Protein backbone atom coordinates (compact mmCIF):
# COMPACT_ATOMS: atom_id res chain seq x y z
CA MET A 1 52.62 16.75 -39.43
CA ALA A 2 56.55 16.98 -39.22
CA LEU A 3 57.80 13.00 -38.86
CA ILE A 4 61.23 12.49 -37.52
CA THR A 5 63.47 9.01 -36.91
CA ARG A 6 63.39 7.47 -33.69
CA LYS A 7 67.05 8.40 -33.21
CA GLN A 8 66.03 12.29 -33.95
CA ALA A 9 63.18 11.57 -31.44
CA ALA A 10 65.56 10.47 -28.82
CA GLU A 11 67.84 13.43 -29.03
CA LYS A 12 64.96 15.55 -28.78
CA MET A 13 63.82 14.62 -25.98
CA GLY A 14 66.95 13.94 -24.19
CA VAL A 15 66.44 9.91 -24.03
CA THR A 16 68.60 7.05 -25.29
CA ILE A 17 67.09 5.08 -28.65
CA GLN A 18 66.42 2.59 -26.50
CA ALA A 19 63.97 4.01 -24.74
CA VAL A 20 62.58 5.30 -27.60
CA TYR A 21 62.34 2.01 -28.85
CA GLY A 22 60.98 1.02 -25.21
CA ALA A 23 58.27 3.34 -25.34
CA ILE A 24 56.91 2.44 -29.07
CA LYS A 25 57.26 -1.42 -28.28
CA GLU A 26 54.63 -0.86 -24.67
CA GLY A 27 52.48 1.46 -26.68
CA ARG A 28 53.55 4.84 -24.67
CA LEU A 29 54.89 6.70 -28.08
CA THR A 30 52.86 6.39 -31.17
CA ALA A 31 55.16 5.35 -33.99
CA MET A 32 54.05 5.23 -38.01
CA GLU A 33 55.99 3.96 -41.52
CA ASP A 34 56.24 6.76 -43.85
CA ASP A 35 56.01 5.78 -47.52
CA LYS A 36 59.50 4.07 -47.78
CA GLY A 37 58.81 1.89 -44.96
CA LYS A 38 60.92 3.88 -42.45
CA ILE A 39 59.57 3.88 -38.94
CA VAL A 40 58.74 7.75 -38.08
CA ILE A 41 57.72 9.45 -35.10
CA ASN A 42 55.35 12.72 -34.88
CA SER A 43 57.39 15.37 -33.65
CA GLU A 44 54.88 17.85 -32.83
CA THR A 45 52.87 15.44 -30.09
CA MET A 46 55.77 13.22 -29.40
CA VAL A 47 56.56 14.91 -25.81
CA ALA A 48 53.05 15.54 -25.05
CA GLU A 49 52.44 11.58 -25.31
CA TRP A 50 55.53 10.52 -23.96
CA ASN A 51 55.08 12.72 -20.65
CA LYS A 52 51.23 11.51 -20.60
CA LYS A 53 51.62 7.80 -20.87
CA SER A 54 55.43 7.47 -19.39
CA ALA A 55 55.55 6.50 -15.60
CA PHE A 56 59.24 7.58 -15.75
CA ARG A 57 61.01 10.33 -17.68
CA ARG A 58 64.70 9.92 -18.49
CA VAL A 59 66.83 13.22 -18.80
CA ARG A 60 70.06 12.68 -20.34
CA THR A 61 72.56 15.43 -19.53
CA THR A 62 76.35 15.40 -19.97
CA SER A 63 78.81 16.44 -16.95
CA LYS A 64 81.84 18.59 -18.02
CA ASN A 65 83.70 15.47 -18.67
CA SER A 66 81.82 14.99 -22.06
CA ASN A 67 82.48 11.32 -21.77
CA VAL A 68 79.88 11.01 -18.80
CA VAL A 69 76.38 10.90 -19.30
CA VAL A 70 74.38 10.99 -16.50
CA HIS A 71 70.34 9.48 -16.25
CA LYS A 72 67.81 10.80 -13.60
CA SER A 73 64.54 8.93 -13.40
CA ARG A 74 61.46 10.79 -11.83
CA LEU A 75 58.03 10.00 -11.38
CA SER A 76 55.63 11.83 -13.40
CA ASN A 77 52.36 10.45 -12.91
CA THR A 78 51.52 11.79 -9.18
CA ASN A 79 51.34 15.27 -8.21
CA GLU A 80 53.42 14.29 -4.80
CA SER A 81 56.66 15.94 -3.93
CA ILE A 82 58.51 12.63 -4.16
CA PRO A 83 62.19 13.25 -4.13
CA GLU A 84 64.74 12.18 -6.96
CA TYR A 85 66.16 8.34 -6.47
CA GLU A 86 69.63 9.63 -5.51
CA GLU A 87 68.52 12.32 -2.93
CA SER A 88 66.56 9.54 -1.31
CA LYS A 89 69.32 6.97 -1.31
CA ALA A 90 71.69 9.72 -0.33
CA ARG A 91 68.96 10.84 3.13
CA THR A 92 68.82 7.10 3.71
CA GLU A 93 72.46 6.28 4.20
CA HIS A 94 73.02 9.42 6.05
CA LEU A 95 70.46 8.68 8.57
CA LYS A 96 71.88 5.60 8.60
CA ALA A 97 75.28 6.44 9.49
CA GLU A 98 73.93 8.49 12.31
CA LEU A 99 72.20 5.32 13.89
CA LEU A 100 75.28 3.81 13.44
CA GLU A 101 77.17 6.82 15.17
CA LEU A 102 74.78 6.79 18.13
CA ASP A 103 75.29 3.16 18.68
CA ARG A 104 78.98 3.60 18.44
CA LYS A 105 78.83 6.16 21.14
CA MET A 106 76.35 4.34 23.52
CA LYS A 107 78.92 1.66 23.31
CA GLU A 108 81.56 3.91 24.16
CA LYS A 109 79.46 5.02 27.22
CA GLU A 110 79.67 8.29 25.43
CA LEU A 111 75.76 8.61 25.52
CA VAL A 112 73.39 7.12 27.97
CA PRO A 113 69.75 6.47 28.02
CA MET A 114 67.58 9.05 29.16
CA ASP A 115 65.73 6.70 31.43
CA ASP A 116 68.69 6.10 33.28
CA VAL A 117 69.52 9.83 34.04
CA GLU A 118 66.20 10.14 34.96
CA ASN A 119 66.35 7.73 37.73
CA LYS A 120 69.48 8.50 39.00
CA TRP A 121 68.66 12.25 39.32
CA CYS A 122 65.49 11.12 40.85
CA ASP A 123 67.81 8.91 43.31
CA ILE A 124 70.29 12.04 44.26
CA ILE A 125 67.29 14.74 44.78
CA THR A 126 65.20 12.10 46.87
CA THR A 127 69.02 11.33 48.84
CA ALA A 128 69.29 15.19 49.66
CA ARG A 129 65.44 15.40 50.29
CA THR A 130 65.81 12.80 53.48
CA LYS A 131 69.75 14.24 54.55
CA LEU A 132 68.39 17.35 54.77
CA LEU A 133 64.88 16.63 56.68
CA GLY A 134 67.18 14.81 59.00
CA ILE A 135 69.11 18.26 60.26
CA SER A 136 66.55 18.81 63.11
CA SER A 137 66.79 15.68 64.68
CA LYS A 138 70.64 15.32 64.01
CA ALA A 139 70.98 18.98 65.64
CA LYS A 140 69.03 17.88 68.81
CA GLN A 141 71.05 15.03 69.19
CA ARG A 142 74.62 16.87 68.87
CA ILE A 143 73.25 19.58 71.06
CA PRO A 144 70.89 18.49 73.45
CA ASP A 145 70.74 22.37 74.97
CA LEU A 146 68.15 23.02 71.97
CA ASP A 147 64.88 23.28 73.18
CA ALA A 148 62.01 22.14 71.28
CA ASN A 149 61.40 25.27 69.93
CA ALA A 150 64.56 25.58 67.89
CA VAL A 151 64.19 21.86 66.66
CA SER A 152 61.08 22.91 65.18
CA CYS A 153 62.44 26.24 63.81
CA LEU A 154 64.76 24.16 61.89
CA ASP A 155 62.35 21.83 60.63
CA ASP A 156 60.40 24.50 59.54
CA ILE A 157 63.65 26.62 57.77
CA VAL A 158 64.53 23.05 56.14
CA ARG A 159 60.87 22.53 54.79
CA GLU A 160 60.29 25.82 53.87
CA ALA A 161 63.93 25.55 51.86
CA LEU A 162 62.38 22.17 50.09
CA GLU A 163 59.26 23.96 49.16
CA GLU A 164 61.11 26.94 47.68
CA LEU A 165 63.19 24.28 45.51
CA SER A 166 60.37 21.85 44.27
CA VAL A 167 58.23 25.26 42.79
CA ALA A 168 61.73 26.46 40.77
């Protein structure tokens, strides 16, 4: 059994020494005293015990600028796919920005509600249908020489055209 100090354990697991102290205090990591009374940790079982008993794992990485230390937390007790906190926060901020953009466009009249567009198109189509169906009666009024067969023929042609449009 290889025994190491708390500082060495923190370096080996890539966490801060405070995280090791906290894990020992909370019972997530087992520590013992050596014959000199110094607190030590079993290096062979340390990582497995840490992973098994810790809800969060802290991974310490350094960026290109060696003065900056970045800590990443990840839930390790579940098998579910849970995104990193930074990723989740970035998604949330992105969605908020998209909602604000849509709200701005609606206020600037660049976007209109779908129901308004649908109602307007229904009104336009109904008006066009009514006007087309009125062609035969207007033709009879303007051309008094048209007989009933010609007016009926015009009415049939208009209705046939409307039928074809409704199927398309």
